[in-house]
PDB file of N, CA and C in Angstrom:
ATOM      1  N   UNK A   1      -4.576  -8.978   5.760  1.00  0.00           N
ATOM      2  CA  UNK A   1      -3.422 -10.356   6.404  1.00  0.00           C
ATOM      3  C   UNK A   1      -3.218  -9.405   7.278  1.00  0.00           C
ATOM      4  N   UNK A   2      -3.052 -10.448   9.048  1.00  0.00           N
ATOM      5  CA  UNK A   2      -3.077  -9.809  10.088  1.00  0.00           C
ATOM      6  C   UNK A   2      -0.764  -9.313  10.246  1.00  0.00           C
ATOM      7  N   UNK A   3      -0.637  -8.677  10.166  1.00  0.00           N
ATOM      8  CA  UNK A   3       1.037  -8.507  10.301  1.00  0.00           C
ATOM      9  C   UNK A   3       1.951  -9.645  11.167  1.00  0.00           C
ATOM     10  N   UNK A   4       1.285 -10.036  12.272  1.00  0.00           N
ATOM     11  CA  UNK A   4       1.851 -10.747  13.161  1.00  0.00           C
ATOM     12  C   UNK A   4       1.714 -12.422  11.964  1.00  0.00           C
ATOM     13  N   UNK A   5       1.156 -12.434  11.589  1.00  0.00           N
ATOM     14  CA  UNK A   5       0.784 -13.815  11.007  1.00  0.00           C
ATOM     15  C   UNK A   5       1.774 -13.744   9.762  1.00  0.00           C
ATOM     16  N   UNK A   6       1.709 -12.075   9.044  1.00  0.00           N
ATOM     17  CA  UNK A   6       3.014 -12.349   8.185  1.00  0.00           C
ATOM     18  C   UNK A   6       4.113 -12.422   8.697  1.00  0.00           C
ATOM     19  N   UNK A   7       4.891 -12.038   9.560  1.00  0.00           N
ATOM     20  CA  UNK A   7       5.520 -11.831   9.797  1.00  0.00           C
ATOM     21  C   UNK A   7       5.957 -13.497  10.262  1.00  0.00           C
ATOM     22  N   UNK A   8       4.962 -14.212  10.676  1.00  0.00           N
ATOM     23  CA  UNK A   8       5.203 -16.037  11.463  1.00  0.00           C
ATOM     24  C   UNK A   8       5.557 -16.473   9.965  1.00  0.00           C
ATOM     25  N   UNK A   9       5.072 -16.366   8.928  1.00  0.00           N
ATOM     26  CA  UNK A   9       4.685 -16.701   7.770  1.00  0.00           C
ATOM     27  C   UNK A   9       6.454 -16.936   7.415  1.00  0.00           C
ATOM     28  N   UNK A  10       6.963 -15.423   7.489  1.00  0.00           N
ATOM     29  CA  UNK A  10       8.512 -15.322   6.698  1.00  0.00           C
ATOM     30  C   UNK A  10       9.266 -15.777   7.402  1.00  0.00           C
ATOM     31  N   UNK A  11       9.051 -16.167   8.873  1.00  0.00           N
ATOM     32  CA  UNK A  11      10.051 -16.614   9.674  1.00  0.00           C
ATOM     33  C   UNK A  11      10.029 -18.330   9.518  1.00  0.00           C
ATOM     34  N   UNK A  12       8.427 -18.607   9.057  1.00  0.00           N
ATOM     35  CA  UNK A  12       8.679 -20.587   8.731  1.00  0.00           C
ATOM     36  C   UNK A  12       9.187 -20.801   7.608  1.00  0.00           C
ATOM     37  N   UNK A  13       8.496 -19.763   6.407  1.00  0.00           N
ATOM     38  CA  UNK A  13       9.365 -20.149   5.086  1.00  0.00           C
ATOM     39  C   UNK A  13      10.359 -19.597   4.673  1.00  0.00           C
ATOM     40  N   UNK A  14      11.492 -18.724   5.355  1.00  0.00           N
ATOM     41  CA  UNK A  14      12.457 -18.330   5.246  1.00  0.00           C
ATOM     42  C   UNK A  14      12.647 -17.264   4.211  1.00  0.00           C
ATOM     43  N   UNK A  15      12.920 -16.018   4.542  1.00  0.00           N
ATOM     44  CA  UNK A  15      12.721 -14.931   3.713  1.00  0.00           C
ATOM     45  C   UNK A  15      13.030 -14.896   2.814  1.00  0.00           C
ATOM     46  N   UNK A  16      14.216 -16.063   2.241  1.00  0.00           N
ATOM     47  CA  UNK A  16      14.434 -15.396   0.763  1.00  0.00           C
ATOM     48  C   UNK A  16      13.627 -16.534  -0.141  1.00  0.00           C
ATOM     49  N   UNK A  17      12.631 -16.957   0.476  1.00  0.00           N
ATOM     50  CA  UNK A  17      11.705 -17.440  -0.807  1.00  0.00           C
ATOM     51  C   UNK A  17      10.218 -16.827  -0.830  1.00  0.00           C
ATOM     52  N   UNK A  18      10.361 -15.747  -0.287  1.00  0.00           N
ATOM     53  CA  UNK A  18       9.220 -14.462  -0.250  1.00  0.00           C
ATOM     54  C   UNK A  18       9.827 -13.427  -1.110  1.00  0.00           C
ATOM     55  N   UNK A  19       9.448 -13.012  -2.065  1.00  0.00           N
ATOM     56  CA  UNK A  19       9.850 -11.844  -3.265  1.00  0.00           C
ATOM     57  C   UNK A  19       8.991 -10.370  -2.855  1.00  0.00           C
ATOM     58  N   UNK A  20       7.874 -10.766  -2.368  1.00  0.00           N
ATOM     59  CA  UNK A  20       7.604  -9.318  -2.360  1.00  0.00           C
ATOM     60  C   UNK A  20       6.199  -9.204  -1.283  1.00  0.00           C
ATOM     61  N   UNK A  21       5.944  -8.222  -0.738  1.00  0.00           N
ATOM     62  CA  UNK A  21       4.884  -8.089   0.030  1.00  0.00           C
ATOM     63  C   UNK A  21       3.652  -7.483  -0.704  1.00  0.00           C
ATOM     64  N   UNK A  22       2.803  -7.855  -0.854  1.00  0.00           N
ATOM     65  CA  UNK A  22       2.087  -7.349  -1.846  1.00  0.00           C
ATOM     66  C   UNK A  22       0.421  -6.498  -1.434  1.00  0.00           C
ATOM     67  N   UNK A  23       0.227  -5.469  -1.063  1.00  0.00           N
ATOM     68  CA  UNK A  23      -0.886  -5.117  -0.038  1.00  0.00           C
ATOM     69  C   UNK A  23      -1.794  -4.147  -0.849  1.00  0.00           C
ATOM     70  N   UNK A  24      -3.653  -4.549  -1.184  1.00  0.00           N
ATOM     71  CA  UNK A  24      -4.445  -4.201  -1.958  1.00  0.00           C
ATOM     72  C   UNK A  24      -5.032  -3.258  -1.515  1.00  0.00           C
ATOM     73  N   UNK A  25      -4.614  -2.037  -1.887  1.00  0.00           N
ATOM     74  CA  UNK A  25      -4.946  -0.802  -0.952  1.00  0.00           C
ATOM     75  C   UNK A  25      -6.637  -0.295  -1.595  1.00  0.00           C
ATOM     76  N   UNK A  26      -7.323  -0.596  -0.728  1.00  0.00           N
ATOM     77  CA  UNK A  26      -9.055  -0.759  -1.051  1.00  0.00           C
ATOM     78  C   UNK A  26      -9.332  -2.241  -1.211  1.00  0.00           C
ATOM     79  N   UNK A  27      -9.760  -2.857  -0.551  1.00  0.00           N
ATOM     80  CA  UNK A  27      -9.348  -4.466  -0.598  1.00  0.00           C
ATOM     81  C   UNK A  27     -11.394  -4.469  -1.135  1.00  0.00           C
ATOM     82  N   UNK A  28     -11.326  -4.409  -2.644  1.00  0.00           N
ATOM     83  CA  UNK A  28     -12.685  -4.786  -2.824  1.00  0.00           C
ATOM     84  C   UNK A  28     -13.107  -5.864  -2.850  1.00  0.00           C
ATOM     85  N   UNK A  29     -12.357  -6.972  -2.636  1.00  0.00           N
ATOM     86  CA  UNK A  29     -12.907  -8.233  -2.455  1.00  0.00           C
ATOM     87  C   UNK A  29     -13.367  -8.262  -0.808  1.00  0.00           C
ATOM     88  N   UNK A  30     -13.090  -7.602  -0.127  1.00  0.00           N
ATOM     89  CA  UNK A  30     -13.581  -7.679   1.135  1.00  0.00           C
ATOM     90  C   UNK A  30     -14.890  -6.732   1.354  1.00  0.00           C
ATOM     91  N   UNK A  31     -15.506  -6.350   0.516  1.00  0.00           N
ATOM     92  CA  UNK A  31     -16.622  -5.268   0.724  1.00  0.00           C
ATOM     93  C   UNK A  31     -16.102  -3.989   0.680  1.00  0.00           C
ATOM     94  N   UNK A  32     -14.943  -4.006  -0.092  1.00  0.00           N
ATOM     95  CA  UNK A  32     -14.235  -2.447  -0.377  1.00  0.00           C
ATOM     96  C   UNK A  32     -13.844  -1.418   1.027  1.00  0.00           C
ATOM     97  N   UNK A  33     -13.205  -2.829   1.879  1.00  0.00           N
ATOM     98  CA  UNK A  33     -12.973  -2.176   2.947  1.00  0.00           C
ATOM     99  C   UNK A  33     -11.627  -1.246   3.123  1.00  0.00           C
ATOM    100  N   UNK A  34     -11.474  -0.385   3.366  1.00  0.00           N
ATOM    101  CA  UNK A  34     -10.161   0.519   3.568  1.00  0.00           C
ATOM    102  C   UNK A  34      -8.717   0.044   4.315  1.00  0.00           C
ATOM    103  N   UNK A  35      -8.101   0.049   3.825  1.00  0.00           N
ATOM    104  CA  UNK A  35      -6.124  -0.203   4.496  1.00  0.00           C
ATOM    105  C   UNK A  35      -6.346   1.146   5.213  1.00  0.00           C
ATOM    106  N   UNK A  36      -6.619   1.126   6.676  1.00  0.00           N
ATOM    107  CA  UNK A  36      -6.000   2.202   7.297  1.00  0.00           C
ATOM    108  C   UNK A  36      -4.550   2.461   6.951  1.00  0.00           C
ATOM    109  N   UNK A  37      -4.386   4.002   7.294  1.00  0.00           N
ATOM    110  CA  UNK A  37      -2.738   4.408   7.448  1.00  0.00           C
ATOM    111  C   UNK A  37      -2.051   2.821   8.662  1.00  0.00           C
ATOM    112  N   UNK A  38      -2.382   3.072   9.654  1.00  0.00           N
ATOM    113  CA  UNK A  38      -1.578   2.292  10.851  1.00  0.00           C
ATOM    114  C   UNK A  38      -1.708   0.688  10.529  1.00  0.00           C
ATOM    115  N   UNK A  39      -2.458   0.312   9.875  1.00  0.00           N
ATOM    116  CA  UNK A  39      -2.466  -1.127   9.241  1.00  0.00           C
ATOM    117  C   UNK A  39      -1.222  -0.970   8.121  1.00  0.00           C
ATOM    118  N   UNK A  40      -0.981   0.011   7.077  1.00  0.00           N
ATOM    119  CA  UNK A  40       0.172   0.355   6.230  1.00  0.00           C
ATOM    120  C   UNK A  40       1.488   0.692   6.968  1.00  0.00           C
ATOM    121  N   UNK A  41       1.224   0.953   8.334  1.00  0.00           N
ATOM    122  CA  UNK A  41       2.198   1.264   8.894  1.00  0.00           C
ATOM    123  C   UNK A  41       3.158  -0.173   9.227  1.00  0.00           C
ATOM    124  N   UNK A  42       2.011  -1.043   9.865  1.00  0.00           N
ATOM    125  CA  UNK A  42       2.542  -2.441  10.131  1.00  0.00           C
ATOM    126  C   UNK A  42       2.990  -2.822   9.324  1.00  0.00           C
ATOM    127  N   UNK A  43       2.557  -3.017   8.421  1.00  0.00           N
ATOM    128  CA  UNK A  43       3.104  -3.604   6.791  1.00  0.00           C
ATOM    129  C   UNK A  43       4.083  -3.548   6.632  1.00  0.00           C
ATOM    130  N   UNK A  44       4.366  -1.880   6.367  1.00  0.00           N
ATOM    131  CA  UNK A  44       5.532  -1.576   6.257  1.00  0.00           C
ATOM    132  C   UNK A  44       7.012  -2.024   7.466  1.00  0.00           C
ATOM    133  N   UNK A  45       6.712  -1.829   8.568  1.00  0.00           N
ATOM    134  CA  UNK A  45       7.252  -2.406   9.513  1.00  0.00           C
ATOM    135  C   UNK A  45       8.006  -3.918   9.102  1.00  0.00           C
ATOM    136  N   UNK A  46       7.423  -4.637   8.586  1.00  0.00           N
ATOM    137  CA  UNK A  46       8.124  -6.407   8.221  1.00  0.00           C
ATOM    138  C   UNK A  46       8.697  -6.043   7.247  1.00  0.00           C
ATOM    139  N   UNK A  47       9.305  -4.829   6.389  1.00  0.00           N
ATOM    140  CA  UNK A  47      10.249  -4.542   5.500  1.00  0.00           C
ATOM    141  C   UNK A  47      11.298  -4.565   6.163  1.00  0.00           C
ATOM    142  N   UNK A  48      11.281  -5.159   7.590  1.00  0.00           N
ATOM    143  CA  UNK A  48      12.954  -5.148   8.372  1.00  0.00           C
ATOM    144  C   UNK A  48      13.582  -6.284   7.265  1.00  0.00           C
ATOM    145  N   UNK A  49      12.685  -7.556   7.420  1.00  0.00           N
ATOM    146  CA  UNK A  49      12.940  -8.440   6.337  1.00  0.00           C
ATOM    147  C   UNK A  49      13.842  -8.482   5.076  1.00  0.00           C
ATOM    148  N   UNK A  50      13.443  -7.040   4.286  1.00  0.00           N
ATOM    149  CA  UNK A  50      14.389  -6.575   3.113  1.00  0.00           C
ATOM    150  C   UNK A  50      13.344  -7.551   1.881  1.00  0.00           C
ATOM    151  N   UNK A  51      12.428  -7.551   2.207  1.00  0.00           N
ATOM    152  CA  UNK A  51      11.449  -8.028   1.406  1.00  0.00           C
ATOM    153  C   UNK A  51      10.773  -7.072   0.904  1.00  0.00           C
ATOM    154  N   UNK A  52      10.825  -6.406  -0.576  1.00  0.00           N
ATOM    155  CA  UNK A  52       9.805  -5.589  -1.448  1.00  0.00           C
ATOM    156  C   UNK A  52       8.403  -5.160  -0.446  1.00  0.00           C
ATOM    157  N   UNK A  53       8.253  -4.143  -0.516  1.00  0.00           N
ATOM    158  CA  UNK A  53       6.634  -4.166   0.048  1.00  0.00           C
ATOM    159  C   UNK A  53       5.985  -3.056  -1.100  1.00  0.00           C
ATOM    160  N   UNK A  54       4.956  -3.671  -1.864  1.00  0.00           N
ATOM    161  CA  UNK A  54       4.064  -2.627  -2.935  1.00  0.00           C
ATOM    162  C   UNK A  54       2.667  -2.884  -2.716  1.00  0.00           C
ATOM    163  N   UNK A  55       2.203  -1.649  -3.083  1.00  0.00           N
ATOM    164  CA  UNK A  55       1.029  -1.779  -2.918  1.00  0.00           C
ATOM    165  C   UNK A  55      -0.132  -2.047  -4.446  1.00  0.00           C
ATOM    166  N   UNK A  56      -0.794  -2.789  -4.745  1.00  0.00           N
ATOM    167  CA  UNK A  56      -2.354  -2.438  -5.954  1.00  0.00           C
ATOM    168  C   UNK A  56      -3.011  -1.528  -5.496  1.00  0.00           C
ATOM    169  N   UNK A  57      -2.482  -0.403  -6.128  1.00  0.00           N
ATOM    170  CA  UNK A  57      -2.956   0.829  -5.645  1.00  0.00           C
ATOM    171  C   UNK A  57      -4.071   1.394  -6.690  1.00  0.00           C
ATOM    172  N   UNK A  58      -4.451   0.623  -7.223  1.00  0.00           N
ATOM    173  CA  UNK A  58      -5.749   0.842  -8.291  1.00  0.00           C
ATOM    174  C   UNK A  58      -7.011   1.525  -7.849  1.00  0.00           C
ATOM    175  N   UNK A  59      -7.279   1.772  -6.399  1.00  0.00           N
ATOM    176  CA  UNK A  59      -8.223   2.191  -5.669  1.00  0.00           C
ATOM    177  C   UNK A  59      -7.691   2.922  -4.894  1.00  0.00           C
ATOM    178  N   UNK A  60      -6.488   3.557  -4.786  1.00  0.00           N
ATOM    179  CA  UNK A  60      -5.524   4.116  -3.563  1.00  0.00           C
ATOM    180  C   UNK A  60      -6.779   5.808  -3.437  1.00  0.00           C
ATOM    181  N   UNK A  61      -6.958   6.490  -4.602  1.00  0.00           N
ATOM    182  CA  UNK A  61      -7.613   8.152  -4.263  1.00  0.00           C
ATOM    183  C   UNK A  61      -8.556   7.344  -3.034  1.00  0.00           C
ATOM    184  N   UNK A  62      -9.577   5.987  -3.608  1.00  0.00           N
ATOM    185  CA  UNK A  62     -10.857   6.169  -2.570  1.00  0.00           C
ATOM    186  C   UNK A  62     -10.220   5.836  -1.155  1.00  0.00           C
ATOM    187  N   UNK A  63      -9.224   4.779  -1.120  1.00  0.00           N
ATOM    188  CA  UNK A  63      -8.627   4.520  -0.043  1.00  0.00           C
ATOM    189  C   UNK A  63      -8.419   5.868   0.838  1.00  0.00           C
ATOM    190  N   UNK A  64      -7.634   6.799   0.122  1.00  0.00           N
ATOM    191  CA  UNK A  64      -7.031   8.207   0.660  1.00  0.00           C
ATOM    192  C   UNK A  64      -8.451   8.804   1.459  1.00  0.00           C
ATOM    193  N   UNK A  65      -9.634   8.733   0.574  1.00  0.00           N
ATOM    194  CA  UNK A  65     -10.353   9.622   1.459  1.00  0.00           C
ATOM    195  C   UNK A  65     -11.263   8.692   2.740  1.00  0.00           C
ATOM    196  N   UNK A  66     -11.310   7.459   2.793  1.00  0.00           N
ATOM    197  CA  UNK A  66     -11.419   6.627   3.588  1.00  0.00           C
ATOM    198  C   UNK A  66     -10.512   6.854   5.015  1.00  0.00           C
ATOM    199  N   UNK A  67      -8.932   7.182   4.498  1.00  0.00           N
ATOM    200  CA  UNK A  67      -8.157   7.142   5.920  1.00  0.00           C
ATOM    201  C   UNK A  67      -8.454   9.010   6.467  1.00  0.00           C
ATOM    202  N   UNK A  68      -8.918   9.644   5.494  1.00  0.00           N
ATOM    203  CA  UNK A  68      -9.299  11.081   6.026  1.00  0.00           C
ATOM    204  C   UNK A  68     -10.654  11.242   7.075  1.00  0.00           C
ATOM    205  N   UNK A  69     -11.352  10.432   6.295  1.00  0.00           N
ATOM    206  CA  UNK A  69     -12.711   9.756   7.032  1.00  0.00           C
ATOM    207  C   UNK A  69     -13.231   9.610   8.037  1.00  0.00           C
ATOM    208  N   UNK A  70     -12.602   8.398   8.295  1.00  0.00           N
ATOM    209  CA  UNK A  70     -12.359   7.614   9.522  1.00  0.00           C
ATOM    210  C   UNK A  70     -11.119   7.677  10.655  1.00  0.00           C
ATOM    211  N   UNK A  71     -10.207   7.976  10.145  1.00  0.00           N
ATOM    212  CA  UNK A  71      -9.442   7.218  10.693  1.00  0.00           C
ATOM    213  C   UNK A  71      -8.368   8.469  11.361  1.00  0.00           C
ATOM    214  N   UNK A  72      -7.978   8.541  13.068  1.00  0.00           N
ATOM    215  CA  UNK A  72      -8.015   9.195  13.787  1.00  0.00           C
ATOM    216  C   UNK A  72      -6.541   9.847  13.199  1.00  0.00           C
ATOM    217  N   UNK A  73      -6.719  11.572  13.606  1.00  0.00           N
ATOM    218  CA  UNK A  73      -5.341  12.185  13.472  1.00  0.00           C
ATOM    219  C   UNK A  73      -5.402  12.550  11.562  1.00  0.00           C
ATOM    220  N   UNK A  74      -6.255  12.190  10.855  1.00  0.00           N
ATOM    221  CA  UNK A  74      -5.890  12.780   9.409  1.00  0.00           C
ATOM    222  C   UNK A  74      -7.587  13.579   8.966  1.00  0.00           C
ATOM    223  N   UNK A  75      -8.308  13.511   9.701  1.00  0.00           N
ATOM    224  CA  UNK A  75      -9.637  14.615   9.081  1.00  0.00           C
ATOM    225  C   UNK A  75      -9.143  16.143   8.709  1.00  0.00           C
ATOM    226  N   UNK A  76      -8.339  16.349   9.443  1.00  0.00           N
ATOM    227  CA  UNK A  76      -7.827  17.954   9.315  1.00  0.00           C
ATOM    228  C   UNK A  76      -6.484  17.790   8.384  1.00  0.00           C
ATOM    229  N   UNK A  77      -6.095  16.988   8.059  1.00  0.00           N
ATOM    230  CA  UNK A  77      -4.951  16.836   6.994  1.00  0.00           C
ATOM    231  C   UNK A  77      -5.067  16.858   5.294  1.00  0.00           C
ATOM    232  N   UNK A  78      -4.783  17.541   4.558  1.00  0.00           N
ATOM    233  CA  UNK A  78      -4.781  17.400   3.273  1.00  0.00           C
ATOM    234  C   UNK A  78      -4.704  16.307   2.544  1.00  0.00           C
ATOM    235  N   UNK A  79      -5.825  15.865   1.668  1.00  0.00           N
ATOM    236  CA  UNK A  79      -5.398  14.609   0.438  1.00  0.00           C
ATOM    237  C   UNK A  79      -3.921  14.621   0.069  1.00  0.00           C
ATOM    238  N   UNK A  80      -3.337  14.969  -0.153  1.00  0.00           N
ATOM    239  CA  UNK A  80      -2.189  15.413  -0.601  1.00  0.00           C
ATOM    240  C   UNK A  80      -1.251  14.815   0.389  1.00  0.00           C
ATOM    241  N   UNK A  81      -1.133  15.387   1.413  1.00  0.00           N
ATOM    242  CA  UNK A  81      -0.327  14.777   2.306  1.00  0.00           C
ATOM    243  C   UNK A  81      -0.477  13.228   2.892  1.00  0.00           C
ATOM    244  N   UNK A  82      -1.937  13.212   3.054  1.00  0.00           N
ATOM    245  CA  UNK A  82      -2.170  11.789   3.137  1.00  0.00           C
ATOM    246  C   UNK A  82      -1.567  10.961   1.574  1.00  0.00           C
ATOM    247  N   UNK A  83      -1.352  11.242   0.967  1.00  0.00           N
ATOM    248  CA  UNK A  83      -1.323   9.979  -0.324  1.00  0.00           C
ATOM    249  C   UNK A  83       0.529  10.396  -0.134  1.00  0.00           C
ATOM    250  N   UNK A  84       0.619  11.226   0.147  1.00  0.00           N
ATOM    251  CA  UNK A  84       2.406  11.776   0.467  1.00  0.00           C
ATOM    252  C   UNK A  84       3.028  10.409   1.351  1.00  0.00           C
ATOM    253  N   UNK A  85       2.359  10.164   2.687  1.00  0.00           N
ATOM    254  CA  UNK A  85       2.289   9.535   3.721  1.00  0.00           C
ATOM    255  C   UNK A  85       2.174   7.949   3.135  1.00  0.00           C
ATOM    256  N   UNK A  86       1.233   7.961   2.741  1.00  0.00           N
ATOM    257  CA  UNK A  86       0.903   6.358   2.553  1.00  0.00           C
ATOM    258  C   UNK A  86       1.951   5.619   1.102  1.00  0.00           C
ATOM    259  N   UNK A  87       2.255   6.488   0.393  1.00  0.00           N
ATOM    260  CA  UNK A  87       3.300   5.996  -0.260  1.00  0.00           C
ATOM    261  C   UNK A  87       4.492   6.210  -0.011  1.00  0.00           C
ATOM    262  N   UNK A  88       5.073   6.873   1.144  1.00  0.00           N
ATOM    263  CA  UNK A  88       6.005   6.480   1.624  1.00  0.00           C
ATOM    264  C   UNK A  88       6.368   5.388   2.174  1.00  0.00           C
ATOM    265  N   UNK A  89       5.646   4.708   2.945  1.00  0.00           N
ATOM    266  CA  UNK A  89       5.834   3.209   3.279  1.00  0.00           C
ATOM    267  C   UNK A  89       6.437   2.164   2.267  1.00  0.00           C
ATOM    268  N   UNK A  90       5.803   2.410   1.214  1.00  0.00           N
ATOM    269  CA  UNK A  90       6.563   1.559   0.019  1.00  0.00           C
ATOM    270  C   UNK A  90       7.247   1.481  -1.061  1.00  0.00           C
ATOM    271  N   UNK A  91       7.724   0.343  -1.595  1.00  0.00           N
ATOM    272  CA  UNK A  91       8.815   0.333  -2.506  1.00  0.00           C
ATOM    273  C   UNK A  91       8.377   0.435  -4.107  1.00  0.00           C
ATOM    274  N   UNK A  92       7.470   0.396  -4.332  1.00  0.00           N
ATOM    275  CA  UNK A  92       6.471   0.380  -5.336  1.00  0.00           C
ATOM    276  C   UNK A  92       5.010   0.007  -5.555  1.00  0.00           C
ATOM    277  N   UNK A  93       4.571   0.147  -6.892  1.00  0.00           N
ATOM    278  CA  UNK A  93       2.954   0.131  -6.921  1.00  0.00           C
ATOM    279  C   UNK A  93       2.822  -0.482  -7.923  1.00  0.00           C
ATOM    280  N   UNK A  94       1.447  -0.699  -8.011  1.00  0.00           N
ATOM    281  CA  UNK A  94       1.146  -1.107 -10.006  1.00  0.00           C
ATOM    282  C   UNK A  94       0.055  -0.316  -9.544  1.00  0.00           C
ATOM    283  N   UNK A  95      -0.635  -0.280 -10.796  1.00  0.00           N
ATOM    284  CA  UNK A  95      -1.925   0.659 -10.888  1.00  0.00           C
ATOM    285  C   UNK A  95      -2.766   0.350 -12.326  1.00  0.00           C
ATOM    286  N   UNK A  96      -4.408   0.070 -12.119  1.00  0.00           N
ATOM    287  CA  UNK A  96      -4.879  -0.356 -13.226  1.00  0.00           C
ATOM    288  C   UNK A  96      -5.750   1.346 -13.658  1.00  0.00           C
ATOM    289  N   UNK A  97      -5.481   1.740 -14.758  1.00  0.00           N
ATOM    290  CA  UNK A  97      -5.827   3.244 -15.150  1.00  0.00           C
ATOM    291  C   UNK A  97      -7.170   3.223 -15.077  1.00  0.00           C
ATOM    292  N   UNK A  98      -7.697   1.751 -15.846  1.00  0.00           N
ATOM    293  CA  UNK A  98      -9.554   1.463 -15.941  1.00  0.00           C
ATOM    294  C   UNK A  98      -9.965   2.024 -14.737  1.00  0.00           C
ATOM    295  N   UNK A  99      -9.554   1.720 -13.801  1.00  0.00           N
ATOM    296  CA  UNK A  99     -10.240   1.178 -12.452  1.00  0.00           C
ATOM    297  C   UNK A  99     -10.712   2.684 -11.841  1.00  0.00           C
ATOM    298  N   UNK A 100     -10.010   3.940 -11.587  1.00  0.00           N
ATOM    299  CA  UNK A 100     -10.316   5.157 -11.351  1.00  0.00           C
ATOM    300  C   UNK A 100     -10.821   5.988 -12.517  1.00  0.00           C
ATOM    301  N   UNK A 101     -10.904   5.764 -13.602  1.00  0.00           N
ATOM    302  CA  UNK A 101     -11.560   6.025 -14.885  1.00  0.00           C
ATOM    303  C   UNK A 101     -10.514   7.142 -15.397  1.00  0.00           C
ATOM    304  N   UNK A 102      -9.342   6.575 -15.257  1.00  0.00           N
ATOM    305  CA  UNK A 102      -8.253   7.431 -15.887  1.00  0.00           C
ATOM    306  C   UNK A 102      -7.678   6.852 -17.477  1.00  0.00           C
ATOM    307  N   UNK A 103      -8.258   6.162 -17.645  1.00  0.00           N
ATOM    308  CA  UNK A 103      -8.216   5.391 -18.876  1.00  0.00           C
ATOM    309  C   UNK A 103      -9.114   4.366 -19.318  1.00  0.00           C
ATOM    310  N   UNK A 104      -9.452   4.024 -20.399  1.00  0.00           N
ATOM    311  CA  UNK A 104     -10.350   2.719 -20.755  1.00  0.00           C
ATOM    312  C   UNK A 104      -9.577   1.373 -21.264  1.00  0.00           C
ATOM    313  N   UNK A 105      -8.451   1.665 -20.542  1.00  0.00           N
ATOM    314  CA  UNK A 105      -7.545   0.318 -20.872  1.00  0.00           C
ATOM    315  C   UNK A 105      -6.069   0.604 -20.205  1.00  0.00           C
ATOM    316  N   UNK A 106      -5.183  -0.391 -20.140  1.00  0.00           N
ATOM    317  CA  UNK A 106      -3.727  -0.151 -19.556  1.00  0.00           C
ATOM    318  C   UNK A 106      -3.490  -0.068 -17.939  1.00  0.00           C
ATOM    319  N   UNK A 107      -2.343   0.050 -17.274  1.00  0.00           N
ATOM    320  CA  UNK A 107      -2.046   0.193 -16.441  1.00  0.00           C
ATOM    321  C   UNK A 107      -0.454   0.380 -16.087  1.00  0.00           C
ATOM    322  N   UNK A 108       0.049   0.233 -14.996  1.00  0.00           N
ATOM    323  CA  UNK A 108       1.705   0.667 -14.638  1.00  0.00           C
ATOM    324  C   UNK A 108       1.910  -0.227 -13.804  1.00  0.00           C
ATOM    325  N   UNK A 109       3.702  -0.256 -13.498  1.00  0.00           N
ATOM    326  CA  UNK A 109       4.100  -0.749 -12.411  1.00  0.00           C
ATOM    327  C   UNK A 109       5.056   0.499 -12.105  1.00  0.00           C
ATOM    328  N   UNK A 110       5.150   0.704 -10.795  1.00  0.00           N
ATOM    329  CA  UNK A 110       6.316   1.735 -10.488  1.00  0.00           C
ATOM    330  C   UNK A 110       7.076   1.283  -9.388  1.00  0.00           C
ATOM    331  N   UNK A 111       8.200   1.631  -9.224  1.00  0.00           N
ATOM    332  CA  UNK A 111       9.341   1.349  -8.472  1.00  0.00           C
ATOM    333  C   UNK A 111       9.521   1.975  -7.552  1.00  0.00           C
ATOM    334  N   UNK A 112      10.070   2.605  -6.690  1.00  0.00           N
ATOM    335  CA  UNK A 112      11.047   4.015  -5.553  1.00  0.00           C
ATOM    336  C   UNK A 112      12.235   3.919  -6.333  1.00  0.00           C
ATOM    337  N   UNK A 113      12.512   4.919  -7.081  1.00  0.00           N
ATOM    338  CA  UNK A 113      14.195   6.005  -7.313  1.00  0.00           C
ATOM    339  C   UNK A 113      14.808   5.971  -6.255  1.00  0.00           C
ATOM    340  N   UNK A 114      15.565   4.730  -5.678  1.00  0.00           N
ATOM    341  CA  UNK A 114      16.369   4.973  -3.986  1.00  0.00           C
ATOM    342  C   UNK A 114      17.263   6.805  -4.121  1.00  0.00           C
ATOM    343  N   UNK A 115      17.250   6.769  -5.516  1.00  0.00           N
ATOM    344  CA  UNK A 115      18.143   8.466  -5.507  1.00  0.00           C
ATOM    345  C   UNK A 115      17.830   9.048  -5.562  1.00  0.00           C
ATOM    346  N   UNK A 116      16.576   9.303  -5.556  1.00  0.00           N
ATOM    347  CA  UNK A 116      15.434  10.652  -5.618  1.00  0.00           C
ATOM    348  C   UNK A 116      14.626  10.431  -4.387  1.00  0.00           C
ATOM    349  N   UNK A 117      14.412   9.216  -4.065  1.00  0.00           N
ATOM    350  CA  UNK A 117      13.313   8.850  -2.858  1.00  0.00           C
ATOM    351  C   UNK A 117      11.840   9.021  -3.348  1.00  0.00           C
ATOM    352  N   UNK A 118      11.565   8.308  -4.403  1.00  0.00           N
ATOM    353  CA  UNK A 118      10.600   9.377  -5.344  1.00  0.00           C
ATOM    354  C   UNK A 118       9.934   8.159  -6.252  1.00  0.00           C
ATOM    355  N   UNK A 119       8.919   7.940  -6.818  1.00  0.00           N
ATOM    356  CA  UNK A 119       8.857   7.094  -7.908  1.00  0.00           C
ATOM    357  C   UNK A 119       8.591   7.926  -8.780  1.00  0.00           C
TER     358      UNK A 119
END
């Protein structure tokens, strides 16, 4: 989805009828295309409409690798600093533990703790 189209949709459909912006991190349905940090920042800018912004983070580790490998300005950054930046733009995320070999079943939904500014 393009950010400009998202903003157009929000304006047309009324901000109160859209409950969540949900971005899949490493888009498997589009041939495992990475979501670059610049795209994440652009989606984050759409949160000025006060709509929560969440990741489907089941392939986030893979996506961080793609950011480090292919996006300008990230090649010399540590993996942990990229992860921290990536997740600093969202209000929460869901994750399937099964996808990255963390467990054979299960998952979680995580929400930003506004008091601590962390998950």
